């Protein structure tokens, strides 16, 4: 199953180098459609969506804001989609609040989110310390593995068949 990656760019590509590295490894060998600009958000209905977002030191990404505006204005833009999100920031702030607003906008635009749809990376990657210790790896590798696991779950997910008969006892 192909995957559509919504990946708004930052003006300074050095700020997104870590997420570039992680995505290169997590998406290797997969059929991927990459969307980097809000103007290119079209014909997404029924797709598997991974929203990958790098923030700058102020917790912003202006191309992301343009995409967010389209998601909020077009309630059927992601109709029938299944999605997950990755948010990476250079500091310890803004990743969780940005992910929360993005998850709400994706859902309101018609995208169903997987269980545990978010991989969030703060600047220090301190939030991956436990996963790194359990896996016997460093924090950067734990981040990469978490994104890879999200991509695997997203591409393998299949909708449940409809329930035809229900017996209800009261």
N, C-alpha and C. Protein backbone atom coordinates (compact mmCIF):
# COMPACT_ATOMS: atom_id res chain seq x y z
N UNK A 1 0.86 -1.18 0.00
CA UNK A 1 0.00 0.00 0.00
C UNK A 1 0.89 1.23 0.00
N UNK A 2 0.57 2.18 -0.86
CA UNK A 2 1.36 3.41 -0.93
C UNK A 2 1.03 4.33 0.24
N UNK A 3 1.92 5.24 0.49
CA UNK A 3 1.80 6.14 1.62
C UNK A 3 2.00 7.56 1.11
N UNK A 4 1.14 8.49 1.56
CA UNK A 4 1.30 9.89 1.23
C UNK A 4 1.90 10.59 2.44
N UNK A 5 3.04 11.22 2.24
CA UNK A 5 3.72 11.92 3.32
C UNK A 5 3.54 13.41 3.11
N UNK A 6 2.86 14.06 4.04
CA UNK A 6 2.70 15.51 4.03
C UNK A 6 3.85 16.06 4.86
N UNK A 7 4.78 16.74 4.19
CA UNK A 7 6.03 17.16 4.84
C UNK A 7 6.34 18.60 4.47
N UNK A 8 5.72 19.57 5.18
CA UNK A 8 5.98 20.97 4.87
C UNK A 8 7.43 21.34 5.21
N UNK A 9 8.05 22.08 4.31
CA UNK A 9 9.46 22.41 4.48
C UNK A 9 9.65 23.67 5.30
N UNK A 10 10.79 23.74 5.94
CA UNK A 10 11.23 24.95 6.63
C UNK A 10 12.16 25.72 5.69
N UNK A 11 12.21 27.05 5.83
CA UNK A 11 13.13 27.83 4.97
C UNK A 11 14.58 27.41 5.13
N UNK A 12 14.98 27.09 6.36
CA UNK A 12 16.34 26.63 6.63
C UNK A 12 16.31 25.11 6.76
N UNK A 13 16.75 24.41 5.73
CA UNK A 13 16.64 22.95 5.71
C UNK A 13 17.53 22.28 6.76
N UNK A 14 18.49 23.00 7.32
CA UNK A 14 19.31 22.44 8.40
C UNK A 14 18.43 22.09 9.60
N UNK A 15 17.37 22.89 9.82
CA UNK A 15 16.47 22.67 10.96
C UNK A 15 15.68 21.38 10.83
N UNK A 16 15.58 20.82 9.64
CA UNK A 16 14.81 19.59 9.48
C UNK A 16 15.70 18.40 9.12
N UNK A 17 17.01 18.54 9.29
CA UNK A 17 17.94 17.47 8.92
C UNK A 17 17.69 16.19 9.71
N UNK A 18 17.39 16.31 11.01
CA UNK A 18 17.16 15.11 11.82
C UNK A 18 15.94 14.35 11.33
N UNK A 19 14.84 15.07 11.05
CA UNK A 19 13.64 14.40 10.56
C UNK A 19 13.86 13.84 9.16
N UNK A 20 14.62 14.53 8.31
CA UNK A 20 14.97 13.99 7.00
C UNK A 20 15.66 12.63 7.15
N UNK A 21 16.63 12.56 8.05
CA UNK A 21 17.39 11.33 8.29
C UNK A 21 16.47 10.20 8.75
N UNK A 22 15.58 10.52 9.69
CA UNK A 22 14.66 9.51 10.23
C UNK A 22 13.71 9.01 9.14
N UNK A 23 13.15 9.93 8.38
CA UNK A 23 12.19 9.54 7.33
C UNK A 23 12.87 8.76 6.21
N UNK A 24 14.09 9.13 5.85
CA UNK A 24 14.82 8.38 4.81
C UNK A 24 14.91 6.90 5.18
N UNK A 25 15.18 6.62 6.42
CA UNK A 25 15.33 5.24 6.86
C UNK A 25 13.97 4.54 7.06
N UNK A 26 13.00 5.26 7.60
CA UNK A 26 11.69 4.66 7.87
C UNK A 26 10.90 4.39 6.60
N UNK A 27 11.15 5.17 5.55
CA UNK A 27 10.39 5.03 4.31
C UNK A 27 11.16 4.32 3.21
N UNK A 28 12.36 3.86 3.49
CA UNK A 28 13.19 3.20 2.48
C UNK A 28 12.46 1.98 1.90
N UNK A 29 12.45 1.91 0.58
CA UNK A 29 11.84 0.77 -0.10
C UNK A 29 10.33 0.82 -0.19
N UNK A 30 9.71 1.90 0.21
CA UNK A 30 8.25 2.02 0.17
C UNK A 30 7.84 2.96 -0.95
N UNK A 31 6.64 2.70 -1.47
CA UNK A 31 6.06 3.60 -2.46
C UNK A 31 5.50 4.81 -1.71
N UNK A 32 6.06 5.98 -1.98
CA UNK A 32 5.71 7.18 -1.22
C UNK A 32 5.39 8.33 -2.18
N UNK A 33 4.32 9.03 -1.87
CA UNK A 33 4.00 10.30 -2.55
C UNK A 33 4.31 11.40 -1.55
N UNK A 34 5.16 12.33 -1.91
CA UNK A 34 5.58 13.39 -1.01
C UNK A 34 4.88 14.69 -1.38
N UNK A 35 4.21 15.32 -0.40
CA UNK A 35 3.53 16.60 -0.59
C UNK A 35 4.19 17.60 0.35
N UNK A 36 4.77 18.66 -0.23
CA UNK A 36 5.50 19.64 0.57
C UNK A 36 4.82 20.99 0.67
N UNK A 37 3.85 21.29 -0.21
CA UNK A 37 3.22 22.61 -0.23
C UNK A 37 1.71 22.48 -0.07
N UNK A 38 1.11 23.47 0.54
CA UNK A 38 -0.35 23.47 0.76
C UNK A 38 -1.11 23.44 -0.56
N UNK A 39 -0.55 24.07 -1.59
CA UNK A 39 -1.22 24.10 -2.89
C UNK A 39 -1.33 22.71 -3.51
N UNK A 40 -0.49 21.78 -3.08
CA UNK A 40 -0.48 20.43 -3.65
C UNK A 40 -1.36 19.44 -2.89
N UNK A 41 -2.07 19.92 -1.88
CA UNK A 41 -2.98 19.05 -1.14
C UNK A 41 -4.23 18.83 -1.99
N UNK A 42 -4.26 17.73 -2.72
CA UNK A 42 -5.43 17.41 -3.54
C UNK A 42 -5.46 15.92 -3.80
N UNK A 43 -6.64 15.43 -4.09
CA UNK A 43 -6.87 14.02 -4.40
C UNK A 43 -6.25 13.11 -3.33
N UNK A 44 -6.59 13.40 -2.09
CA UNK A 44 -6.06 12.62 -0.97
C UNK A 44 -7.08 11.65 -0.38
N UNK A 45 -8.30 11.68 -0.85
CA UNK A 45 -9.36 10.87 -0.26
C UNK A 45 -8.97 9.39 -0.29
N UNK A 46 -9.13 8.74 0.86
CA UNK A 46 -8.87 7.31 0.98
C UNK A 46 -7.41 6.93 1.11
N UNK A 47 -6.51 7.88 1.20
CA UNK A 47 -5.07 7.60 1.28
C UNK A 47 -4.63 7.26 2.70
N UNK A 48 -3.46 6.65 2.79
CA UNK A 48 -2.75 6.50 4.07
C UNK A 48 -1.86 7.72 4.17
N UNK A 49 -2.02 8.51 5.24
CA UNK A 49 -1.35 9.80 5.38
C UNK A 49 -0.39 9.76 6.57
N UNK A 50 0.85 10.15 6.34
CA UNK A 50 1.79 10.41 7.43
C UNK A 50 2.13 11.89 7.36
N UNK A 51 1.76 12.63 8.39
CA UNK A 51 2.07 14.06 8.45
C UNK A 51 3.37 14.18 9.23
N UNK A 52 4.43 14.59 8.55
CA UNK A 52 5.75 14.75 9.17
C UNK A 52 6.03 16.24 9.27
N UNK A 53 6.30 16.71 10.48
CA UNK A 53 6.40 18.14 10.70
C UNK A 53 7.64 18.49 11.52
N UNK A 54 8.50 19.32 10.94
CA UNK A 54 9.64 19.89 11.65
C UNK A 54 9.29 21.32 12.05
N UNK A 55 9.64 21.68 13.27
CA UNK A 55 9.41 23.04 13.74
C UNK A 55 10.74 23.78 13.84
N UNK A 56 10.68 25.10 13.75
CA UNK A 56 11.90 25.89 13.96
C UNK A 56 12.05 26.20 15.44
N UNK A 57 13.06 26.99 15.80
CA UNK A 57 13.33 27.26 17.22
C UNK A 57 12.22 28.03 17.91
N UNK A 58 11.34 28.67 17.14
CA UNK A 58 10.19 29.38 17.71
C UNK A 58 8.94 28.49 17.74
N UNK A 59 9.08 27.22 17.34
CA UNK A 59 7.95 26.30 17.33
C UNK A 59 7.02 26.53 16.16
N UNK A 60 7.54 27.03 15.06
CA UNK A 60 6.72 27.38 13.90
C UNK A 60 7.22 26.71 12.63
N UNK A 61 6.30 26.62 11.68
CA UNK A 61 6.60 26.17 10.33
C UNK A 61 5.53 26.81 9.46
N UNK A 62 5.89 27.81 8.68
CA UNK A 62 4.89 28.60 7.97
C UNK A 62 4.17 27.82 6.87
N UNK A 63 4.84 26.90 6.22
CA UNK A 63 4.14 26.07 5.22
C UNK A 63 3.14 25.15 5.91
N UNK A 64 3.47 24.69 7.11
CA UNK A 64 2.51 23.91 7.90
C UNK A 64 1.26 24.73 8.19
N UNK A 65 1.42 26.01 8.52
CA UNK A 65 0.25 26.84 8.81
C UNK A 65 -0.65 26.98 7.58
N UNK A 66 -0.05 27.03 6.40
CA UNK A 66 -0.87 27.08 5.18
C UNK A 66 -1.62 25.76 4.99
N UNK A 67 -0.96 24.64 5.29
CA UNK A 67 -1.64 23.33 5.20
C UNK A 67 -2.75 23.24 6.25
N UNK A 68 -2.46 23.70 7.45
CA UNK A 68 -3.45 23.69 8.53
C UNK A 68 -4.68 24.50 8.14
N UNK A 69 -4.48 25.64 7.50
CA UNK A 69 -5.61 26.47 7.06
C UNK A 69 -6.46 25.71 6.05
N UNK A 70 -5.85 24.99 5.15
CA UNK A 70 -6.63 24.20 4.18
C UNK A 70 -7.40 23.08 4.88
N UNK A 71 -6.76 22.42 5.83
CA UNK A 71 -7.46 21.35 6.57
C UNK A 71 -8.67 21.90 7.30
N UNK A 72 -8.53 23.08 7.87
CA UNK A 72 -9.64 23.69 8.62
C UNK A 72 -10.73 24.22 7.72
N UNK A 73 -10.39 24.70 6.53
CA UNK A 73 -11.38 25.28 5.62
C UNK A 73 -12.08 24.25 4.75
N UNK A 74 -11.45 23.10 4.53
CA UNK A 74 -12.00 22.09 3.62
C UNK A 74 -12.27 20.80 4.40
N UNK A 75 -13.49 20.69 4.97
CA UNK A 75 -13.77 19.58 5.88
C UNK A 75 -13.78 18.19 5.23
N UNK A 76 -13.69 18.09 3.93
CA UNK A 76 -13.66 16.78 3.28
C UNK A 76 -12.33 16.52 2.59
N UNK A 77 -11.32 17.32 2.88
CA UNK A 77 -10.03 17.20 2.22
C UNK A 77 -9.38 15.83 2.44
N UNK A 78 -9.53 15.27 3.62
CA UNK A 78 -8.92 13.98 3.94
C UNK A 78 -9.98 12.89 4.16
N UNK A 79 -11.10 13.01 3.51
CA UNK A 79 -12.22 12.07 3.69
C UNK A 79 -11.76 10.63 3.39
N UNK A 80 -12.01 9.74 4.33
CA UNK A 80 -11.67 8.33 4.16
C UNK A 80 -10.21 7.99 4.36
N UNK A 81 -9.40 8.93 4.78
CA UNK A 81 -7.97 8.69 5.00
C UNK A 81 -7.73 8.08 6.38
N UNK A 82 -6.61 7.41 6.49
CA UNK A 82 -6.11 6.91 7.77
C UNK A 82 -4.75 7.53 7.96
N UNK A 83 -4.47 8.04 9.16
CA UNK A 83 -3.23 8.78 9.31
C UNK A 83 -2.52 8.64 10.63
N UNK A 84 -1.30 9.15 10.61
CA UNK A 84 -0.46 9.26 11.79
C UNK A 84 0.38 10.52 11.64
N UNK A 85 1.08 10.91 12.72
CA UNK A 85 1.86 12.13 12.66
C UNK A 85 3.18 12.01 13.41
N UNK A 86 4.15 12.74 12.88
CA UNK A 86 5.47 12.84 13.49
C UNK A 86 5.76 14.33 13.63
N UNK A 87 6.08 14.76 14.84
CA UNK A 87 6.42 16.17 15.09
C UNK A 87 7.81 16.21 15.72
N UNK A 88 8.70 17.00 15.12
CA UNK A 88 10.07 17.11 15.59
C UNK A 88 10.40 18.58 15.81
N UNK A 89 10.92 18.89 16.98
CA UNK A 89 11.27 20.28 17.29
C UNK A 89 12.67 20.38 17.85
N UNK A 90 13.31 21.54 17.68
CA UNK A 90 14.68 21.71 18.18
C UNK A 90 14.75 22.00 19.67
N UNK A 91 13.63 22.36 20.28
CA UNK A 91 13.60 22.67 21.71
C UNK A 91 12.68 21.71 22.45
N UNK A 92 12.43 22.04 23.69
CA UNK A 92 11.60 21.18 24.53
C UNK A 92 10.14 21.60 24.52
N UNK A 93 9.81 22.70 23.85
CA UNK A 93 8.46 23.24 23.85
C UNK A 93 7.82 23.15 22.47
N UNK A 94 6.51 23.24 22.45
CA UNK A 94 5.66 23.41 21.26
C UNK A 94 5.35 22.14 20.49
N UNK A 95 6.06 21.05 20.67
CA UNK A 95 5.77 19.86 19.87
C UNK A 95 4.41 19.26 20.22
N UNK A 96 4.11 19.14 21.49
CA UNK A 96 2.85 18.51 21.90
C UNK A 96 1.65 19.37 21.54
N UNK A 97 1.72 20.67 21.75
CA UNK A 97 0.58 21.54 21.42
C UNK A 97 0.36 21.61 19.91
N UNK A 98 1.44 21.62 19.15
CA UNK A 98 1.31 21.60 17.69
C UNK A 98 0.71 20.29 17.22
N UNK A 99 1.14 19.18 17.80
CA UNK A 99 0.59 17.87 17.43
C UNK A 99 -0.90 17.79 17.77
N UNK A 100 -1.30 18.35 18.89
CA UNK A 100 -2.71 18.31 19.28
C UNK A 100 -3.58 19.09 18.30
N UNK A 101 -3.13 20.29 17.89
CA UNK A 101 -3.93 21.07 16.94
C UNK A 101 -3.95 20.39 15.58
N UNK A 102 -2.86 19.76 15.18
CA UNK A 102 -2.81 19.06 13.90
C UNK A 102 -3.70 17.82 13.92
N UNK A 103 -3.67 17.05 14.99
CA UNK A 103 -4.52 15.86 15.08
C UNK A 103 -5.99 16.23 14.98
N UNK A 104 -6.38 17.29 15.66
CA UNK A 104 -7.77 17.75 15.59
C UNK A 104 -8.13 18.18 14.17
N UNK A 105 -7.26 18.94 13.52
CA UNK A 105 -7.54 19.41 12.16
C UNK A 105 -7.61 18.24 11.18
N UNK A 106 -6.72 17.27 11.31
CA UNK A 106 -6.75 16.10 10.43
C UNK A 106 -8.06 15.34 10.61
N UNK A 107 -8.45 15.13 11.86
CA UNK A 107 -9.67 14.39 12.15
C UNK A 107 -10.90 15.12 11.65
N UNK A 108 -10.94 16.42 11.84
CA UNK A 108 -12.09 17.21 11.37
C UNK A 108 -12.15 17.28 9.84
N UNK A 109 -11.02 17.05 9.18
CA UNK A 109 -10.99 17.03 7.72
C UNK A 109 -11.31 15.64 7.16
N UNK A 110 -11.66 14.69 8.04
CA UNK A 110 -12.10 13.37 7.59
C UNK A 110 -11.10 12.25 7.75
N UNK A 111 -9.97 12.50 8.39
CA UNK A 111 -8.93 11.49 8.55
C UNK A 111 -9.09 10.75 9.87
N UNK A 112 -9.15 9.44 9.81
CA UNK A 112 -9.18 8.62 11.02
C UNK A 112 -7.74 8.39 11.46
N UNK A 113 -7.44 8.64 12.71
CA UNK A 113 -6.08 8.45 13.22
C UNK A 113 -5.95 7.07 13.83
N UNK A 114 -4.80 6.46 13.62
CA UNK A 114 -4.50 5.17 14.24
C UNK A 114 -4.47 5.30 15.76
N UNK A 115 -4.53 4.20 16.44
CA UNK A 115 -4.22 4.21 17.87
C UNK A 115 -2.75 4.56 18.02
N UNK A 116 -2.41 5.36 19.01
CA UNK A 116 -1.05 5.88 19.18
C UNK A 116 -0.52 6.48 17.88
N UNK A 117 -1.20 7.54 17.38
CA UNK A 117 -0.83 8.07 16.07
C UNK A 117 0.36 9.01 16.06
N UNK A 118 0.89 9.38 17.23
CA UNK A 118 1.90 10.43 17.31
C UNK A 118 3.26 9.90 17.73
N UNK A 119 4.29 10.32 16.99
CA UNK A 119 5.68 10.20 17.43
C UNK A 119 6.18 11.62 17.58
N UNK A 120 6.51 12.00 18.80
CA UNK A 120 6.92 13.36 19.12
C UNK A 120 8.37 13.36 19.58
N UNK A 121 9.18 14.22 18.96
CA UNK A 121 10.59 14.31 19.31
C UNK A 121 10.93 15.73 19.73
N UNK A 122 11.37 15.88 20.96
CA UNK A 122 11.84 17.19 21.43
C UNK A 122 13.32 17.31 21.09
N UNK A 123 13.86 18.49 21.24
CA UNK A 123 15.24 18.76 20.84
C UNK A 123 16.26 17.83 21.45
N UNK A 124 16.14 17.55 22.73
CA UNK A 124 17.12 16.70 23.41
C UNK A 124 16.85 15.21 23.20
N UNK A 125 15.70 14.87 22.68
CA UNK A 125 15.23 13.48 22.55
C UNK A 125 15.14 12.79 23.90
N UNK A 126 15.05 13.58 24.96
CA UNK A 126 14.93 13.03 26.30
C UNK A 126 13.67 12.15 26.44
N UNK A 127 12.64 12.48 25.67
CA UNK A 127 11.40 11.70 25.75
C UNK A 127 11.55 10.30 25.15
N UNK A 128 12.71 9.98 24.57
CA UNK A 128 12.97 8.63 24.06
C UNK A 128 13.95 7.85 24.93
N UNK A 129 14.29 8.40 26.08
CA UNK A 129 15.30 7.76 26.93
C UNK A 129 14.88 6.36 27.38
N UNK A 130 13.64 6.21 27.83
CA UNK A 130 13.18 4.90 28.29
C UNK A 130 13.15 3.89 27.15
N UNK A 131 12.60 4.29 26.00
CA UNK A 131 12.57 3.38 24.85
C UNK A 131 13.98 2.99 24.42
N UNK A 132 14.90 3.94 24.49
CA UNK A 132 16.29 3.65 24.12
C UNK A 132 16.92 2.65 25.08
N UNK A 133 16.67 2.81 26.38
CA UNK A 133 17.23 1.89 27.36
C UNK A 133 16.65 0.48 27.19
N UNK A 134 15.35 0.40 26.94
CA UNK A 134 14.71 -0.91 26.74
C UNK A 134 15.27 -1.59 25.50
N UNK A 135 15.45 -0.81 24.43
CA UNK A 135 15.95 -1.38 23.18
C UNK A 135 17.45 -1.51 23.09
N UNK A 136 18.17 -0.96 24.07
CA UNK A 136 19.63 -1.03 24.05
C UNK A 136 20.24 -0.18 22.94
N UNK A 137 19.61 0.95 22.64
CA UNK A 137 20.08 1.85 21.58
C UNK A 137 20.17 3.27 22.12
N UNK A 138 20.64 4.19 21.29
CA UNK A 138 20.65 5.59 21.70
C UNK A 138 19.29 6.23 21.39
N UNK A 139 19.09 7.46 21.87
CA UNK A 139 17.79 8.13 21.72
C UNK A 139 17.44 8.41 20.26
N UNK A 140 18.42 8.78 19.45
CA UNK A 140 18.15 9.06 18.04
C UNK A 140 17.68 7.79 17.31
N UNK A 141 18.29 6.67 17.62
CA UNK A 141 17.87 5.40 17.02
C UNK A 141 16.49 5.01 17.52
N UNK A 142 16.20 5.26 18.79
CA UNK A 142 14.86 4.97 19.32
C UNK A 142 13.81 5.81 18.61
N UNK A 143 14.12 7.06 18.31
CA UNK A 143 13.22 7.92 17.55
C UNK A 143 12.97 7.33 16.16
N UNK A 144 14.05 6.93 15.49
CA UNK A 144 13.93 6.34 14.16
C UNK A 144 13.09 5.06 14.20
N UNK A 145 13.31 4.23 15.18
CA UNK A 145 12.56 2.98 15.30
C UNK A 145 11.07 3.25 15.57
N UNK A 146 10.78 4.27 16.37
CA UNK A 146 9.38 4.61 16.65
C UNK A 146 8.67 5.09 15.39
N UNK A 147 9.35 5.89 14.59
CA UNK A 147 8.74 6.34 13.32
C UNK A 147 8.57 5.15 12.39
N UNK A 148 9.54 4.28 12.32
CA UNK A 148 9.43 3.07 11.48
C UNK A 148 8.26 2.20 11.90
N UNK A 149 8.07 2.06 13.20
CA UNK A 149 6.95 1.25 13.71
C UNK A 149 5.61 1.90 13.37
N UNK A 150 5.52 3.23 13.45
CA UNK A 150 4.30 3.94 13.07
C UNK A 150 4.02 3.75 11.58
N UNK A 151 5.03 3.86 10.76
CA UNK A 151 4.86 3.66 9.31
C UNK A 151 4.41 2.23 9.02
N UNK A 152 4.99 1.26 9.70
CA UNK A 152 4.59 -0.14 9.51
C UNK A 152 3.12 -0.34 9.88
N UNK A 153 2.70 0.21 11.02
CA UNK A 153 1.30 0.06 11.44
C UNK A 153 0.36 0.77 10.48
N UNK A 154 0.77 1.91 9.99
CA UNK A 154 -0.06 2.69 9.08
C UNK A 154 -0.25 1.97 7.75
N UNK A 155 0.80 1.40 7.21
CA UNK A 155 0.69 0.71 5.93
C UNK A 155 0.01 -0.65 6.06
N UNK A 156 0.10 -1.28 7.23
CA UNK A 156 -0.51 -2.60 7.42
C UNK A 156 -1.96 -2.53 7.86
N UNK A 157 -2.43 -1.38 8.30
CA UNK A 157 -3.78 -1.27 8.85
C UNK A 157 -4.83 -1.58 7.79
N UNK A 158 -5.81 -2.36 8.18
CA UNK A 158 -6.94 -2.69 7.32
C UNK A 158 -8.23 -2.39 8.07
N UNK A 159 -9.22 -1.81 7.38
CA UNK A 159 -10.48 -1.53 8.07
C UNK A 159 -11.17 -2.84 8.47
N UNK A 160 -11.87 -2.78 9.58
CA UNK A 160 -12.61 -3.95 10.04
C UNK A 160 -13.83 -4.16 9.16
N UNK A 161 -14.20 -5.42 8.92
CA UNK A 161 -15.41 -5.66 8.12
C UNK A 161 -16.64 -5.19 8.90
N UNK A 162 -17.69 -4.80 8.20
CA UNK A 162 -18.88 -4.34 8.90
C UNK A 162 -19.54 -5.48 9.70
N UNK A 163 -20.12 -5.12 10.83
CA UNK A 163 -20.82 -6.09 11.66
C UNK A 163 -22.23 -6.24 11.07
N UNK A 164 -22.58 -7.45 10.70
CA UNK A 164 -23.85 -7.67 10.02
C UNK A 164 -24.99 -8.00 11.00
N UNK A 165 -24.69 -8.76 12.01
CA UNK A 165 -25.74 -9.16 12.94
C UNK A 165 -25.26 -8.86 14.36
N UNK A 166 -26.13 -8.26 15.12
CA UNK A 166 -25.80 -7.92 16.50
C UNK A 166 -26.89 -8.47 17.39
N UNK A 167 -26.50 -9.18 18.42
CA UNK A 167 -27.44 -9.66 19.42
C UNK A 167 -27.23 -8.84 20.66
N UNK A 168 -28.26 -8.17 21.12
CA UNK A 168 -28.19 -7.35 22.32
C UNK A 168 -29.16 -7.90 23.35
N UNK A 169 -28.64 -8.20 24.52
CA UNK A 169 -29.49 -8.70 25.61
C UNK A 169 -29.51 -7.65 26.70
N UNK A 170 -30.71 -7.49 27.26
CA UNK A 170 -30.83 -6.51 28.33
C UNK A 170 -31.46 -7.16 29.53
